[in-house]
Amino acid sequence: MTKIQPLIAFLLLGVCAANAQQSPSMDGGGKPESTPAGAFAGLGKDRPADAKTEITANKEATFDNAASVAEFVGNVKVRDPQFTLTCDRLKVTLSKTRKGMEMAEATGNVVIIQESTEKNGQTTKAIGKAGLAIYTPANGEVILKIWPSVQQGMNNQVATEESTVMILNRSGKSQTKGASKTVISETSEAGSGR
């Protein structure tokens, strides 16, 4: 298994790049519609100054300085203070100035989990799944392709066609292009006011 630290600070999901070092790991077709409100709204927000991101891959980690690209292959796990990502392959392209990230692309069994604490102290979890996830920091968008789905709390949206695309923005706006099914469940607290 390969561990990269302090790695290319990757925020799928809005982060700038840091120095990367490699060290071994010791542990093993319809109208657009909105996804559940607030899904992944925290992605791309300001990071703590001492935030660290860790990427592990059990097959390969490759760095191409000339192309400003890092690739990770095999049971890839990204642990960041703002999210957790798992996938089969992760490709991170740095900007030409190397002071930020141009794009990140996760492929194969992509799962993005973000937990956030609400003002009332309650923790909510947003989960995005897809065959392909592309993050572009310049516009703050995460694009989910190949059978995407997004779940936040009791709200769930699932593609009903492989070609459906879900676009999530760090501002909290989201859009679905293509066929999907949305289920919004009432909690007992919301339903008790009747």
Protein backbone atom coordinates (compact mmCIF):
# COMPACT_ATOMS: atom_id res chain seq x y z
CA MET A 1 0.00 0.00 0.00
CA THR A 2 1.25 3.49 -0.76
CA LYS A 3 0.64 6.49 1.48
CA ILE A 4 1.18 10.04 0.32
CA GLN A 5 1.74 12.73 2.95
CA PRO A 6 1.59 15.68 3.26
CA LEU A 7 -0.09 15.15 -0.16
CA ILE A 8 -1.53 17.24 -2.82
CA ALA A 9 -4.14 18.84 -0.66
CA PHE A 10 -7.21 17.65 -2.43
CA LEU A 11 -10.68 18.86 -1.67
CA LEU A 12 -13.24 17.36 -3.69
CA LEU A 13 -13.56 18.30 -3.32
CA GLY A 14 -11.47 23.10 -3.19
CA VAL A 15 -8.03 22.92 -2.19
CA CYS A 16 -4.61 24.17 -3.11
CA ALA A 17 -1.75 21.78 -3.67
CA ALA A 18 0.93 21.08 -1.10
CA ASN A 19 4.28 19.33 -1.41
CA ALA A 20 3.94 15.62 -2.05
CA GLN A 21 6.17 12.94 -0.56
CA GLN A 22 5.79 9.20 -0.83
CA SER A 23 6.24 6.97 2.20
CA PRO A 24 5.12 3.42 2.92
CA SER A 25 1.96 2.82 4.88
CA MET A 26 1.89 0.60 7.88
CA ASP A 27 -1.83 -0.11 7.68
CA GLY A 28 -2.64 -2.47 5.18
CA GLY A 29 -33.22 12.97 -20.90
CA GLY A 30 -35.54 15.21 -18.98
CA LYS A 31 -35.69 18.67 -17.58
CA PRO A 32 -33.12 19.58 -14.98
CA GLU A 33 -34.36 19.07 -11.45
CA SER A 34 -32.84 19.92 -8.09
CA THR A 35 -31.22 17.34 -5.84
CA PRO A 36 -31.99 17.33 -2.12
CA ALA A 37 -31.34 20.82 -0.74
CA GLY A 38 -27.94 21.47 0.74
CA ALA A 39 -26.26 18.29 -0.49
CA PHE A 40 -22.50 18.82 -0.23
CA ALA A 41 -22.93 22.58 0.40
CA GLY A 42 -19.79 22.59 2.56
CA LEU A 43 -17.41 21.32 -0.11
CA GLY A 44 -14.89 23.94 -1.07
CA LYS A 45 -15.37 26.13 2.00
CA ASP A 46 -12.37 27.59 3.78
CA ARG A 47 -10.07 24.98 5.25
CA PRO A 48 -8.32 25.20 8.61
CA ALA A 49 -4.70 26.37 8.25
CA ASP A 50 -3.34 23.09 9.66
CA ALA A 51 -5.64 20.80 7.65
CA LYS A 52 -4.02 17.64 6.29
CA THR A 53 -5.27 15.29 3.63
CA GLU A 54 -4.11 11.69 3.36
CA ILE A 55 -4.36 9.54 0.24
CA THR A 56 -3.72 5.81 0.36
CA ALA A 57 -3.65 3.45 -2.63
CA ASN A 58 -2.83 -0.24 -2.52
CA LYS A 59 -1.53 -0.69 -6.09
CA GLU A 60 0.23 2.40 -7.38
CA ALA A 61 1.01 6.10 -6.86
CA THR A 62 2.56 7.94 -9.79
CA PHE A 63 3.80 11.55 -9.99
CA ASP A 64 4.54 13.21 -13.33
CA ASN A 65 6.24 16.55 -12.60
CA ALA A 66 6.35 17.58 -16.25
CA ALA A 67 2.59 17.13 -16.66
CA SER A 68 1.78 18.26 -13.07
CA VAL A 69 -0.28 15.10 -12.53
CA ALA A 70 -0.54 12.64 -9.65
CA GLU A 71 -2.40 9.33 -10.06
CA PHE A 72 -3.39 6.81 -7.41
CA VAL A 73 -4.64 3.31 -8.25
CA GLY A 74 -6.21 0.50 -6.24
CA ASN A 75 -8.65 0.88 -3.36
CA VAL A 76 -7.92 4.61 -3.15
CA LYS A 77 -8.95 6.35 0.08
CA VAL A 78 -8.83 10.10 0.65
CA ARG A 79 -9.23 11.28 4.22
CA ASP A 80 -9.68 15.02 4.63
CA PRO A 81 -11.14 17.06 7.53
CA GLN A 82 -14.01 18.07 5.23
CA PHE A 83 -14.81 14.77 3.47
CA THR A 84 -13.90 11.14 2.82
CA LEU A 85 -13.58 9.71 -0.69
CA THR A 86 -13.08 6.15 -1.89
CA CYS A 87 -12.61 5.05 -5.51
CA ASP A 88 -10.64 2.69 -7.74
CA ARG A 89 -8.50 5.42 -9.37
CA LEU A 90 -7.81 9.08 -8.59
CA LYS A 91 -6.11 11.55 -10.94
CA VAL A 92 -5.19 15.03 -9.66
CA THR A 93 -3.99 17.69 -12.13
CA LEU A 94 -2.27 20.75 -10.67
CA SER A 95 -2.59 24.22 -12.15
CA LYS A 96 0.22 25.42 -14.38
CA THR A 97 1.54 27.62 -11.53
CA ARG A 98 1.36 24.62 -9.14
CA LYS A 99 -0.30 26.85 -6.57
CA GLY A 100 -3.59 25.06 -6.82
CA MET A 101 -5.48 22.22 -8.36
CA GLU A 102 -6.90 22.41 -11.87
CA MET A 103 -9.02 19.27 -11.67
CA ALA A 104 -9.52 16.00 -9.80
CA GLU A 105 -11.10 12.94 -11.35
CA ALA A 106 -12.17 9.87 -9.36
CA THR A 107 -13.25 6.76 -11.28
CA GLY A 108 -14.70 3.39 -10.37
CA ASN A 109 -16.92 2.80 -7.33
CA VAL A 110 -16.75 6.45 -6.23
CA VAL A 111 -18.20 7.22 -2.80
CA ILE A 112 -17.96 10.73 -1.30
CA ILE A 113 -19.05 11.24 2.32
CA GLN A 114 -19.31 14.63 3.98
CA GLU A 115 -20.44 15.12 7.56
CA SER A 116 -21.39 18.53 8.88
CA THR A 117 -22.71 19.86 12.16
CA GLU A 118 -25.85 21.98 12.03
CA LYS A 119 -26.46 25.05 14.21
CA ASN A 120 -28.58 22.89 16.52
CA GLY A 121 -25.60 20.56 17.08
CA GLN A 122 -27.06 17.72 15.02
CA THR A 123 -24.66 15.98 12.62
CA THR A 124 -25.85 15.39 9.06
CA LYS A 125 -24.23 13.17 6.48
CA ALA A 126 -24.30 13.63 2.71
CA ILE A 127 -23.29 10.69 0.52
CA GLY A 128 -22.64 10.86 -3.22
CA LYS A 129 -22.02 7.76 -5.33
CA ALA A 130 -21.12 7.38 -9.01
CA GLY A 131 -18.88 5.61 -11.49
CA LEU A 132 -17.10 8.92 -12.19
CA ALA A 133 -16.74 12.14 -10.18
CA ILE A 134 -15.00 15.24 -11.56
CA TYR A 135 -14.15 18.24 -9.37
CA THR A 136 -13.11 21.61 -10.81
CA PRO A 137 -12.06 24.16 -8.15
CA ALA A 138 -12.37 27.13 -10.56
CA ASN A 139 -16.17 26.82 -10.55
CA GLY A 140 -16.60 24.76 -7.39
CA GLU A 141 -18.54 22.00 -9.14
CA VAL A 142 -18.56 18.27 -8.52
CA ILE A 143 -20.01 16.39 -11.49
CA LEU A 144 -21.26 12.85 -10.80
CA LYS A 145 -21.67 10.54 -13.82
CA ILE A 146 -22.43 6.85 -14.47
CA TRP A 147 -25.41 5.91 -12.28
CA PRO A 148 -25.01 8.80 -9.80
CA SER A 149 -26.94 9.09 -6.54
CA VAL A 150 -27.02 11.63 -3.72
CA GLN A 151 -28.37 11.05 -0.23
CA GLN A 152 -28.61 13.63 2.53
CA GLY A 153 -30.39 12.64 5.69
CA MET A 154 -33.79 11.25 4.72
CA ASN A 155 -33.65 12.71 1.19
CA ASN A 156 -32.41 10.52 -1.64
CA GLN A 157 -32.02 11.06 -5.38
CA VAL A 158 -31.04 8.20 -7.68
CA ALA A 159 -30.39 8.16 -11.43
CA THR A 160 -32.78 5.90 -13.32
CA GLU A 161 -30.55 5.89 -16.43
CA GLU A 162 -26.79 5.41 -16.66
CA SER A 163 -26.40 8.66 -18.66
CA THR A 164 -27.94 10.87 -15.93
CA VAL A 165 -25.57 13.57 -14.63
CA MET A 166 -25.74 15.25 -11.22
CA ILE A 167 -23.95 18.56 -10.70
CA LEU A 168 -23.24 19.75 -7.15
CA ASN A 169 -21.92 23.24 -6.38
CA ARG A 170 -20.18 24.37 -3.20
CA SER A 171 -22.81 27.12 -2.83
CA GLY A 172 -25.37 24.39 -2.14
CA LYS A 173 -27.02 24.53 -5.56
CA SER A 174 -27.43 21.32 -7.47
CA GLN A 175 -28.89 20.13 -10.74
CA THR A 176 -29.76 16.79 -12.30
CA LYS A 177 -29.75 16.30 -16.08
CA GLY A 178 -31.48 13.13 -17.19
CA ALA A 179 -33.87 10.68 -15.62
CA SER A 180 -33.90 10.27 -11.86
CA LYS A 181 -36.08 9.44 -8.89
CA THR A 182 -36.22 11.67 -5.80
CA VAL A 183 -37.57 10.49 -2.46
CA ILE A 184 -38.08 13.08 0.30
CA SER A 185 -39.00 11.47 3.61
CA GLU A 186 -40.62 13.31 6.49
CA THR A 187 -39.14 12.78 9.91
CA SER A 188 -41.43 12.23 12.87
CA GLU A 189 -40.42 15.69 14.13
CA ALA A 190 -41.50 17.39 10.88
CA GLY A 191 -44.70 15.38 10.64
CA SER A 192 -45.77 15.96 14.27
CA GLY A 193 -46.88 19.57 13.64
CA ARG A 194 -50.05 18.53 11.78
